[in-house]
Protein backbone atom coordinates (compact mmCIF):
# COMPACT_ATOMS: atom_id res chain seq x y z
CA MET A 1 62.17 -92.95 -4.11
CA ALA A 2 62.43 -88.92 -4.77
CA ARG A 3 65.77 -89.66 -5.22
CA GLU A 4 65.82 -92.06 -8.01
CA SER A 5 62.74 -90.39 -9.27
CA ARG A 6 64.90 -87.27 -9.87
CA THR A 7 67.70 -89.16 -11.21
CA LEU A 8 65.49 -90.82 -14.02
CA LEU A 9 63.86 -87.57 -15.22
CA ASP A 10 67.20 -85.64 -15.37
CA GLN A 11 67.80 -88.78 -18.39
CA ILE A 12 64.83 -88.25 -19.49
CA VAL A 13 65.59 -84.56 -20.07
CA ALA A 14 69.64 -84.94 -20.95
CA THR A 15 67.85 -87.42 -23.59
CA GLU A 16 65.91 -84.77 -24.66
CA GLN A 17 68.26 -82.35 -24.96
CA GLN A 18 70.49 -84.96 -26.88
CA ILE A 19 67.65 -85.30 -29.18
CA ALA A 20 66.98 -82.14 -30.25
CA LYS A 21 70.22 -81.86 -30.40
CA LEU A 22 70.35 -84.74 -33.28
CA LYS A 23 67.50 -83.22 -34.86
CA ASP A 24 69.01 -80.01 -35.75
CA GLU A 25 72.20 -82.36 -36.85
CA ILE A 26 69.64 -83.64 -39.27
CA LYS A 27 67.78 -81.05 -40.79
CA LYS A 28 71.49 -79.23 -41.29
CA TYR A 29 73.78 -82.19 -42.75
CA GLY A 30 71.04 -85.02 -42.82
CA ALA A 31 70.32 -88.53 -42.30
CA GLY A 32 73.32 -90.23 -43.35
CA GLY A 33 76.88 -88.96 -44.39
CA PHE A 34 80.44 -90.74 -44.22
CA ASP A 35 83.69 -89.32 -42.57
CA VAL A 36 87.06 -90.11 -44.60
CA THR A 37 89.03 -87.99 -42.93
CA THR A 38 89.08 -89.01 -39.65
CA GLY A 39 90.01 -92.73 -40.64
CA MET A 40 92.42 -91.43 -43.52
CA LYS A 41 95.68 -93.62 -41.42
CA ASN A 42 93.67 -96.89 -41.27
CA ASN A 43 92.00 -96.30 -44.13
CA VAL A 44 89.10 -96.68 -42.81
CA ALA A 45 85.82 -94.38 -43.51
CA TYR A 46 83.22 -93.63 -41.29
CA ILE A 47 79.75 -93.28 -41.94
CA GLU A 48 76.96 -91.73 -39.88
CA ASP A 49 73.38 -92.77 -39.10
CA ARG A 50 71.60 -90.45 -37.64
CA ASN A 51 67.82 -91.93 -38.13
CA GLY A 52 69.16 -95.30 -36.01
CA GLN A 53 70.67 -92.92 -33.58
CA MET A 54 67.61 -90.94 -32.98
CA ASN A 55 66.18 -94.52 -32.62
CA ASP A 56 67.89 -95.40 -29.67
CA LEU A 57 67.42 -91.47 -28.18
CA GLU A 58 63.98 -92.89 -28.78
CA LYS A 59 63.68 -96.20 -26.83
CA ARG A 60 66.42 -94.61 -24.25
CA LYS A 61 64.27 -92.61 -23.53
CA GLY A 62 61.36 -95.53 -23.29
CA ASP A 63 62.97 -97.49 -21.22
CA LEU A 64 62.72 -94.50 -19.25
CA GLU A 65 60.09 -92.63 -18.91
CA LYS A 66 59.16 -96.49 -18.57
CA LYS A 67 61.13 -96.76 -15.50
CA LEU A 68 59.55 -94.00 -13.72
CA ASP A 69 56.12 -94.47 -14.65
CA GLN A 70 57.26 -98.12 -12.30
CA LEU A 71 58.05 -95.83 -9.87
CA GLN A 72 56.28 -93.55 -8.96
CA GLU A 73 53.42 -96.66 -9.54
CA VAL A 74 55.15 -98.69 -6.74
CA GLY A 75 55.19 -94.90 -4.95
CA ARG A 76 51.75 -94.50 -5.06
CA LYS A 77 50.36 -97.79 -3.93
CA ALA A 78 53.51 -97.12 -1.09
CA GLY A 79 51.77 -93.78 0.35
CA ALA A 80 53.87 -91.23 -1.23
CA GLU A 81 52.51 -87.71 -2.36
CA PRO A 82 53.08 -87.11 -6.38
CA ALA A 83 55.22 -84.09 -5.66
CA TRP A 84 58.16 -86.11 -4.47
CA PHE A 85 58.23 -87.41 -8.09
CA ARG A 86 58.59 -84.20 -10.01
C-alpha cells in the first residue's frame, strides 16, 4: 500500500507541476492560439487550447486524489499507519 500511495503522490505532484507550467504559459501567451509554421508542409494549422489542457489536468489531479483517498480508506480499515500514505 505504501508503494501505491507514493506512486499516486508522485503523480499528483507531477500534475501540479504541469498545471503551474500551463498557468505560466497562459499568462505569457493567452489561453489559445495557433501555430501555422509547424504544419506548413501538410497545410495544417495547429490550435493550442490551453484552457482545455488545464481542464484535463485538473480532472486528472482530482481523479488521482480520489484514488489516494480510496487507498487511504482501505489502509485505515486494514490498520495501516497514517504515515504510510505520506
